[in-house]
Amino acid sequence: MFQRGVGISEVTRIVREGEVIEEYPDDEPWPEVVLLGEVANLALHVVVGREPVTLRCVTITVYWPDLDRWDERFRHRRR
C-alpha cells in the first residue's frame, strides 16, 4: 500500500464506501472481497478479508488495476 503511494485514509475510505466487484466467500481463513474505489481520479482496488463473527476487516492488498487485466471501468476481469 505505502509502496504504491496510497495512504491509510484512502484505503479506509474505500473499505467503507467502495464498490464490491468480486467476492470470494470460501477463501480461508476469512471470506474476501475486491473493492473498487478512486484516489486522485484513478481506480484503486483494495482486497480485504472479513472475519465473520466480529466483522473486522483486514487489508490483504492494495493495487492500481491494469487495463490489460481489467475492463475499461476496472469492474470486470478480462478473459
PDB file of N, CA and C in Angstrom:
ATOM      1  N   MET A   1       0.829  -1.172   0.000  1.00  0.00           N
ATOM      2  CA  MET A   1       0.000   0.000   0.000  1.00  0.00           C
ATOM      3  C   MET A   1       0.879   1.243   0.000  1.00  0.00           C
ATOM      4  N   PHE A   2       1.805   1.326   0.936  1.00  0.00           N
ATOM      5  CA  PHE A   2       2.668   2.500   1.003  1.00  0.00           C
ATOM      6  C   PHE A   2       3.609   2.547  -0.192  1.00  0.00           C
ATOM      7  N   GLN A   3       4.025   1.373  -0.682  1.00  0.00           N
ATOM      8  CA  GLN A   3       4.893   1.313  -1.856  1.00  0.00           C
ATOM      9  C   GLN A   3       4.181   1.846  -3.089  1.00  0.00           C
ATOM     10  N   ARG A   4       2.871   1.811  -3.098  1.00  0.00           N
ATOM     11  CA  ARG A   4       2.089   2.280  -4.238  1.00  0.00           C
ATOM     12  C   ARG A   4       1.613   3.724  -4.059  1.00  0.00           C
ATOM     13  N   GLY A   5       2.050   4.360  -2.989  1.00  0.00           N
ATOM     14  CA  GLY A   5       1.703   5.756  -2.764  1.00  0.00           C
ATOM     15  C   GLY A   5       0.285   5.972  -2.286  1.00  0.00           C
ATOM     16  N   VAL A   6      -0.276   4.982  -1.618  1.00  0.00           N
ATOM     17  CA  VAL A   6      -1.648   5.073  -1.124  1.00  0.00           C
ATOM     18  C   VAL A   6      -1.602   5.107   0.402  1.00  0.00           C
ATOM     19  N   GLY A   7      -2.313   6.066   0.981  1.00  0.00           N
ATOM     20  CA  GLY A   7      -2.307   6.219   2.425  1.00  0.00           C
ATOM     21  C   GLY A   7      -3.432   5.465   3.117  1.00  0.00           C
ATOM     22  N   ILE A   8      -3.307   5.393   4.420  1.00  0.00           N
ATOM     23  CA  ILE A   8      -4.307   4.697   5.239  1.00  0.00           C
ATOM     24  C   ILE A   8      -5.684   5.329   5.087  1.00  0.00           C
ATOM     25  N   SER A   9      -5.753   6.642   5.012  1.00  0.00           N
ATOM     26  CA  SER A   9      -7.064   7.300   4.919  1.00  0.00           C
ATOM     27  C   SER A   9      -7.781   6.939   3.620  1.00  0.00           C
ATOM     28  N   GLU A  10      -7.034   6.819   2.508  1.00  0.00           N
ATOM     29  CA  GLU A  10      -7.661   6.432   1.246  1.00  0.00           C
ATOM     30  C   GLU A  10      -8.165   4.992   1.304  1.00  0.00           C
ATOM     31  N   VAL A  11      -7.364   4.106   1.866  1.00  0.00           N
ATOM     32  CA  VAL A  11      -7.768   2.707   1.969  1.00  0.00           C
ATOM     33  C   VAL A  11      -8.977   2.575   2.891  1.00  0.00           C
ATOM     34  N   THR A  12      -8.959   3.261   4.013  1.00  0.00           N
ATOM     35  CA  THR A  12     -10.090   3.219   4.949  1.00  0.00           C
ATOM     36  C   THR A  12     -11.365   3.704   4.273  1.00  0.00           C
ATOM     37  N   ARG A  13     -11.274   4.771   3.505  1.00  0.00           N
ATOM     38  CA  ARG A  13     -12.447   5.297   2.795  1.00  0.00           C
ATOM     39  C   ARG A  13     -12.985   4.271   1.801  1.00  0.00           C
ATOM     40  N   ILE A  14     -12.102   3.610   1.066  1.00  0.00           N
ATOM     41  CA  ILE A  14     -12.549   2.618   0.092  1.00  0.00           C
ATOM     42  C   ILE A  14     -13.161   1.405   0.796  1.00  0.00           C
ATOM     43  N   VAL A  15     -12.591   0.988   1.921  1.00  0.00           N
ATOM     44  CA  VAL A  15     -13.170  -0.129   2.668  1.00  0.00           C
ATOM     45  C   VAL A  15     -14.579   0.239   3.130  1.00  0.00           C
ATOM     46  N   ARG A  16     -14.791   1.460   3.521  1.00  0.00           N
ATOM     47  CA  ARG A  16     -16.117   1.892   3.996  1.00  0.00           C
ATOM     48  C   ARG A  16     -17.104   2.155   2.863  1.00  0.00           C
ATOM     49  N   GLU A  17     -16.617   2.725   1.758  1.00  0.00           N
ATOM     50  CA  GLU A  17     -17.516   3.223   0.723  1.00  0.00           C
ATOM     51  C   GLU A  17     -17.353   2.573  -0.640  1.00  0.00           C
ATOM     52  N   GLY A  18     -16.340   1.732  -0.806  1.00  0.00           N
ATOM     53  CA  GLY A  18     -16.035   1.181  -2.120  1.00  0.00           C
ATOM     54  C   GLY A  18     -17.092   0.204  -2.617  1.00  0.00           C
ATOM     55  N   GLU A  19     -17.055  -0.030  -3.912  1.00  0.00           N
ATOM     56  CA  GLU A  19     -17.978  -0.949  -4.568  1.00  0.00           C
ATOM     57  C   GLU A  19     -17.380  -2.358  -4.573  1.00  0.00           C
ATOM     58  N   VAL A  20     -18.146  -3.321  -4.106  1.00  0.00           N
ATOM     59  CA  VAL A  20     -17.700  -4.721  -4.152  1.00  0.00           C
ATOM     60  C   VAL A  20     -17.805  -5.183  -5.590  1.00  0.00           C
ATOM     61  N   ILE A  21     -16.660  -5.580  -6.178  1.00  0.00           N
ATOM     62  CA  ILE A  21     -16.675  -6.028  -7.572  1.00  0.00           C
ATOM     63  C   ILE A  21     -16.412  -7.528  -7.706  1.00  0.00           C
ATOM     64  N   GLU A  22     -15.836  -8.140  -6.685  1.00  0.00           N
ATOM     65  CA  GLU A  22     -15.651  -9.590  -6.663  1.00  0.00           C
ATOM     66  C   GLU A  22     -15.774 -10.070  -5.227  1.00  0.00           C
ATOM     67  N   GLU A  23     -16.322 -11.283  -5.074  1.00  0.00           N
ATOM     68  CA  GLU A  23     -16.459 -11.883  -3.746  1.00  0.00           C
ATOM     69  C   GLU A  23     -15.892 -13.294  -3.763  1.00  0.00           C
ATOM     70  N   TYR A  24     -15.213 -13.644  -2.701  1.00  0.00           N
ATOM     71  CA  TYR A  24     -14.642 -14.973  -2.533  1.00  0.00           C
ATOM     72  C   TYR A  24     -15.069 -15.515  -1.165  1.00  0.00           C
ATOM     73  N   PRO A  25     -16.318 -15.977  -1.061  1.00  0.00           N
ATOM     74  CA  PRO A  25     -16.869 -16.389   0.232  1.00  0.00           C
ATOM     75  C   PRO A  25     -16.201 -17.622   0.837  1.00  0.00           C
ATOM     76  N   ASP A  26     -15.513 -18.411   0.020  1.00  0.00           N
ATOM     77  CA  ASP A  26     -14.908 -19.642   0.518  1.00  0.00           C
ATOM     78  C   ASP A  26     -13.423 -19.496   0.839  1.00  0.00           C
ATOM     79  N   ASP A  27     -12.868 -18.289   0.678  1.00  0.00           N
ATOM     80  CA  ASP A  27     -11.448 -18.098   0.990  1.00  0.00           C
ATOM     81  C   ASP A  27     -11.186 -18.322   2.466  1.00  0.00           C
ATOM     82  N   GLU A  28      -9.993 -18.780   2.760  1.00  0.00           N
ATOM     83  CA  GLU A  28      -9.564 -19.043   4.131  1.00  0.00           C
ATOM     84  C   GLU A  28      -8.414 -18.112   4.487  1.00  0.00           C
ATOM     85  N   PRO A  29      -8.296 -17.634   5.688  1.00  0.00           N
ATOM     86  CA  PRO A  29      -9.127 -18.017   6.818  1.00  0.00           C
ATOM     87  C   PRO A  29     -10.463 -17.279   6.856  1.00  0.00           C
ATOM     88  N   TRP A  30     -10.601 -16.197   6.067  1.00  0.00           N
ATOM     89  CA  TRP A  30     -11.844 -15.433   6.072  1.00  0.00           C
ATOM     90  C   TRP A  30     -12.301 -15.177   4.641  1.00  0.00           C
ATOM     91  N   PRO A  31     -13.595 -14.978   4.444  1.00  0.00           N
ATOM     92  CA  PRO A  31     -14.081 -14.584   3.121  1.00  0.00           C
ATOM     93  C   PRO A  31     -13.427 -13.262   2.703  1.00  0.00           C
ATOM     94  N   GLU A  32     -13.163 -13.134   1.392  1.00  0.00           N
ATOM     95  CA  GLU A  32     -12.527 -11.917   0.880  1.00  0.00           C
ATOM     96  C   GLU A  32     -13.391 -11.263  -0.177  1.00  0.00           C
ATOM     97  N   VAL A  33     -13.190  -9.960  -0.338  1.00  0.00           N
ATOM     98  CA  VAL A  33     -13.828  -9.202  -1.410  1.00  0.00           C
ATOM     99  C   VAL A  33     -12.790  -8.288  -2.042  1.00  0.00           C
ATOM    100  N   VAL A  34     -13.030  -7.960  -3.314  1.00  0.00           N
ATOM    101  CA  VAL A  34     -12.253  -6.939  -4.010  1.00  0.00           C
ATOM    102  C   VAL A  34     -13.145  -5.717  -4.089  1.00  0.00           C
ATOM    103  N   LEU A  35     -12.638  -4.601  -3.587  1.00  0.00           N
ATOM    104  CA  LEU A  35     -13.380  -3.345  -3.585  1.00  0.00           C
ATOM    105  C   LEU A  35     -12.782  -2.393  -4.613  1.00  0.00           C
ATOM    106  N   LEU A  36     -13.635  -1.646  -5.291  1.00  0.00           N
ATOM    107  CA  LEU A  36     -13.199  -0.626  -6.240  1.00  0.00           C
ATOM    108  C   LEU A  36     -13.452   0.743  -5.630  1.00  0.00           C
ATOM    109  N   GLY A  37     -12.427   1.560  -5.642  1.00  0.00           N
ATOM    110  CA  GLY A  37     -12.551   2.941  -5.203  1.00  0.00           C
ATOM    111  C   GLY A  37     -11.732   3.825  -6.112  1.00  0.00           C
ATOM    112  N   GLU A  38     -11.593   5.079  -5.711  1.00  0.00           N
ATOM    113  CA  GLU A  38     -10.877   6.040  -6.522  1.00  0.00           C
ATOM    114  C   GLU A  38      -9.980   6.893  -5.642  1.00  0.00           C
ATOM    115  N   VAL A  39      -8.769   7.133  -6.111  1.00  0.00           N
ATOM    116  CA  VAL A  39      -7.821   8.019  -5.439  1.00  0.00           C
ATOM    117  C   VAL A  39      -7.209   8.910  -6.516  1.00  0.00           C
ATOM    118  N   ALA A  40      -7.319  10.203  -6.334  1.00  0.00           N
ATOM    119  CA  ALA A  40      -6.777  11.173  -7.300  1.00  0.00           C
ATOM    120  C   ALA A  40      -7.282  10.871  -8.716  1.00  0.00           C
ATOM    121  N   ASN A  41      -8.565  10.564  -8.827  1.00  0.00           N
ATOM    122  CA  ASN A  41      -9.217  10.261 -10.102  1.00  0.00           C
ATOM    123  C   ASN A  41      -8.675   9.014 -10.787  1.00  0.00           C
ATOM    124  N   LEU A  42      -8.040   8.129 -10.044  1.00  0.00           N
ATOM    125  CA  LEU A  42      -7.543   6.859 -10.570  1.00  0.00           C
ATOM    126  C   LEU A  42      -8.228   5.713  -9.834  1.00  0.00           C
ATOM    127  N   ALA A  43      -8.582   4.667 -10.579  1.00  0.00           N
ATOM    128  CA  ALA A  43      -9.203   3.490  -9.971  1.00  0.00           C
ATOM    129  C   ALA A  43      -8.192   2.792  -9.067  1.00  0.00           C
ATOM    130  N   LEU A  44      -8.668   2.307  -7.928  1.00  0.00           N
ATOM    131  CA  LEU A  44      -7.831   1.571  -6.992  1.00  0.00           C
ATOM    132  C   LEU A  44      -8.625   0.369  -6.489  1.00  0.00           C
ATOM    133  N   HIS A  45      -7.971  -0.794  -6.422  1.00  0.00           N
ATOM    134  CA  HIS A  45      -8.587  -1.994  -5.866  1.00  0.00           C
ATOM    135  C   HIS A  45      -8.005  -2.260  -4.487  1.00  0.00           C
ATOM    136  N   VAL A  46      -8.883  -2.584  -3.553  1.00  0.00           N
ATOM    137  CA  VAL A  46      -8.494  -2.965  -2.198  1.00  0.00           C
ATOM    138  C   VAL A  46      -9.105  -4.334  -1.934  1.00  0.00           C
ATOM    139  N   VAL A  47      -8.267  -5.296  -1.575  1.00  0.00           N
ATOM    140  CA  VAL A  47      -8.740  -6.638  -1.251  1.00  0.00           C
ATOM    141  C   VAL A  47      -8.731  -6.773   0.265  1.00  0.00           C
ATOM    142  N   VAL A  48      -9.891  -7.127   0.825  1.00  0.00           N
ATOM    143  CA  VAL A  48      -9.990  -7.282   2.270  1.00  0.00           C
ATOM    144  C   VAL A  48     -10.592  -8.632   2.624  1.00  0.00           C
ATOM    145  N   GLY A  49     -10.156  -9.157   3.761  1.00  0.00           N
ATOM    146  CA  GLY A  49     -10.776 -10.319   4.370  1.00  0.00           C
ATOM    147  C   GLY A  49     -11.652  -9.832   5.504  1.00  0.00           C
ATOM    148  N   ARG A  50     -12.799 -10.488   5.700  1.00  0.00           N
ATOM    149  CA  ARG A  50     -13.732 -10.053   6.752  1.00  0.00           C
ATOM    150  C   ARG A  50     -14.013 -11.211   7.686  1.00  0.00           C
ATOM    151  N   GLU A  51     -13.644 -11.018   8.940  1.00  0.00           N
ATOM    152  CA  GLU A  51     -13.868 -12.032   9.976  1.00  0.00           C
ATOM    153  C   GLU A  51     -15.369 -12.115  10.232  1.00  0.00           C
ATOM    154  N   PRO A  52     -15.984 -13.289  10.079  1.00  0.00           N
ATOM    155  CA  PRO A  52     -17.438 -13.399  10.122  1.00  0.00           C
ATOM    156  C   PRO A  52     -18.101 -13.090  11.458  1.00  0.00           C
ATOM    157  N   VAL A  53     -17.416 -13.289  12.574  1.00  0.00           N
ATOM    158  CA  VAL A  53     -18.052 -13.070  13.873  1.00  0.00           C
ATOM    159  C   VAL A  53     -17.979 -11.597  14.281  1.00  0.00           C
ATOM    160  N   THR A  54     -16.787 -11.021  14.251  1.00  0.00           N
ATOM    161  CA  THR A  54     -16.613  -9.632  14.691  1.00  0.00           C
ATOM    162  C   THR A  54     -16.817  -8.627  13.563  1.00  0.00           C
ATOM    163  N   LEU A  55     -16.824  -9.116  12.302  1.00  0.00           N
ATOM    164  CA  LEU A  55     -16.931  -8.282  11.100  1.00  0.00           C
ATOM    165  C   LEU A  55     -15.714  -7.370  10.910  1.00  0.00           C
ATOM    166  N   ARG A  56     -14.624  -7.699  11.582  1.00  0.00           N
ATOM    167  CA  ARG A  56     -13.375  -6.944  11.428  1.00  0.00           C
ATOM    168  C   ARG A  56     -12.815  -7.195  10.046  1.00  0.00           C
ATOM    169  N   CYS A  57     -12.369  -6.135   9.368  1.00  0.00           N
ATOM    170  CA  CYS A  57     -11.768  -6.242   8.044  1.00  0.00           C
ATOM    171  C   CYS A  57     -10.255  -6.137   8.157  1.00  0.00           C
ATOM    172  N   VAL A  58      -9.576  -6.965   7.367  1.00  0.00           N
ATOM    173  CA  VAL A  58      -8.123  -6.944   7.304  1.00  0.00           C
ATOM    174  C   VAL A  58      -7.739  -6.719   5.848  1.00  0.00           C
ATOM    175  N   THR A  59      -6.920  -5.707   5.608  1.00  0.00           N
ATOM    176  CA  THR A  59      -6.471  -5.424   4.249  1.00  0.00           C
ATOM    177  C   THR A  59      -5.465  -6.480   3.814  1.00  0.00           C
ATOM    178  N   ILE A  60      -5.745  -7.112   2.681  1.00  0.00           N
ATOM    179  CA  ILE A  60      -4.862  -8.127   2.122  1.00  0.00           C
ATOM    180  C   ILE A  60      -3.861  -7.477   1.165  1.00  0.00           C
ATOM    181  N   THR A  61      -4.380  -6.684   0.219  1.00  0.00           N
ATOM    182  CA  THR A  61      -3.518  -5.973  -0.720  1.00  0.00           C
ATOM    183  C   THR A  61      -4.259  -4.781  -1.309  1.00  0.00           C
ATOM    184  N   VAL A  62      -3.484  -3.871  -1.850  1.00  0.00           N
ATOM    185  CA  VAL A  62      -3.993  -2.668  -2.491  1.00  0.00           C
ATOM    186  C   VAL A  62      -3.214  -2.516  -3.790  1.00  0.00           C
ATOM    187  N   TYR A  63      -3.924  -2.272  -4.898  1.00  0.00           N
ATOM    188  CA  TYR A  63      -3.198  -2.122  -6.165  1.00  0.00           C
ATOM    189  C   TYR A  63      -3.973  -1.264  -7.158  1.00  0.00           C
ATOM    190  N   TRP A  64      -3.205  -0.663  -8.078  1.00  0.00           N
ATOM    191  CA  TRP A  64      -3.781   0.073  -9.204  1.00  0.00           C
ATOM    192  C   TRP A  64      -4.090  -0.972 -10.279  1.00  0.00           C
ATOM    193  N   PRO A  65      -5.353  -1.147 -10.665  1.00  0.00           N
ATOM    194  CA  PRO A  65      -5.680  -2.171 -11.659  1.00  0.00           C
ATOM    195  C   PRO A  65      -5.109  -1.821 -13.038  1.00  0.00           C
ATOM    196  N   ASP A  66      -4.783  -2.861 -13.773  1.00  0.00           N
ATOM    197  CA  ASP A  66      -4.154  -2.757 -15.082  1.00  0.00           C
ATOM    198  C   ASP A  66      -5.200  -3.010 -16.171  1.00  0.00           C
ATOM    199  N   LEU A  67      -5.238  -2.140 -17.188  1.00  0.00           N
ATOM    200  CA  LEU A  67      -6.204  -2.315 -18.277  1.00  0.00           C
ATOM    201  C   LEU A  67      -5.973  -3.592 -19.071  1.00  0.00           C
ATOM    202  N   ASP A  68      -4.800  -4.175 -18.993  1.00  0.00           N
ATOM    203  CA  ASP A  68      -4.564  -5.461 -19.655  1.00  0.00           C
ATOM    204  C   ASP A  68      -5.340  -6.585 -18.973  1.00  0.00           C
ATOM    205  N   ARG A  69      -5.658  -6.411 -17.700  1.00  0.00           N
ATOM    206  CA  ARG A  69      -6.349  -7.452 -16.937  1.00  0.00           C
ATOM    207  C   ARG A  69      -7.797  -7.112 -16.592  1.00  0.00           C
ATOM    208  N   TRP A  70      -8.154  -5.829 -16.672  1.00  0.00           N
ATOM    209  CA  TRP A  70      -9.486  -5.379 -16.267  1.00  0.00           C
ATOM    210  C   TRP A  70     -10.138  -4.598 -17.401  1.00  0.00           C
ATOM    211  N   ASP A  71     -11.478  -4.562 -17.395  1.00  0.00           N
ATOM    212  CA  ASP A  71     -12.190  -3.768 -18.396  1.00  0.00           C
ATOM    213  C   ASP A  71     -11.942  -2.287 -18.161  1.00  0.00           C
ATOM    214  N   GLU A  72     -12.449  -1.448 -19.056  1.00  0.00           N
ATOM    215  CA  GLU A  72     -12.179  -0.004 -19.001  1.00  0.00           C
ATOM    216  C   GLU A  72     -12.744   0.675 -17.758  1.00  0.00           C
ATOM    217  N   ARG A  73     -13.683   0.043 -17.067  1.00  0.00           N
ATOM    218  CA  ARG A  73     -14.230   0.615 -15.827  1.00  0.00           C
ATOM    219  C   ARG A  73     -13.622  -0.048 -14.593  1.00  0.00           C
ATOM    220  N   PHE A  74     -12.713  -1.007 -14.797  1.00  0.00           N
ATOM    221  CA  PHE A  74     -11.996  -1.719 -13.739  1.00  0.00           C
ATOM    222  C   PHE A  74     -12.917  -2.517 -12.813  1.00  0.00           C
ATOM    223  N   ARG A  75     -14.055  -2.967 -13.367  1.00  0.00           N
ATOM    224  CA  ARG A  75     -15.030  -3.734 -12.574  1.00  0.00           C
ATOM    225  C   ARG A  75     -15.029  -5.228 -12.902  1.00  0.00           C
ATOM    226  N   HIS A  76     -14.556  -5.579 -14.084  1.00  0.00           N
ATOM    227  CA  HIS A  76     -14.612  -6.975 -14.537  1.00  0.00           C
ATOM    228  C   HIS A  76     -13.268  -7.376 -15.119  1.00  0.00           C
ATOM    229  N   ARG A  77     -12.820  -8.578 -14.745  1.00  0.00           N
ATOM    230  CA  ARG A  77     -11.571  -9.095 -15.310  1.00  0.00           C
ATOM    231  C   ARG A  77     -11.769  -9.443 -16.780  1.00  0.00           C
ATOM    232  N   ARG A  78     -10.734  -9.188 -17.538  1.00  0.00           N
ATOM    233  CA  ARG A  78     -10.746  -9.621 -18.942  1.00  0.00           C
ATOM    234  C   ARG A  78     -10.510 -11.121 -18.977  1.00  0.00           C
ATOM    235  N   ARG A  79     -11.106 -11.799 -19.896  1.00  0.00           N
ATOM    236  CA  ARG A  79     -10.960 -13.253 -20.004  1.00  0.00           C
ATOM    237  C   ARG A  79     -10.005 -13.606 -21.108  1.00  0.00           C
TER     238      ARG A  79
END
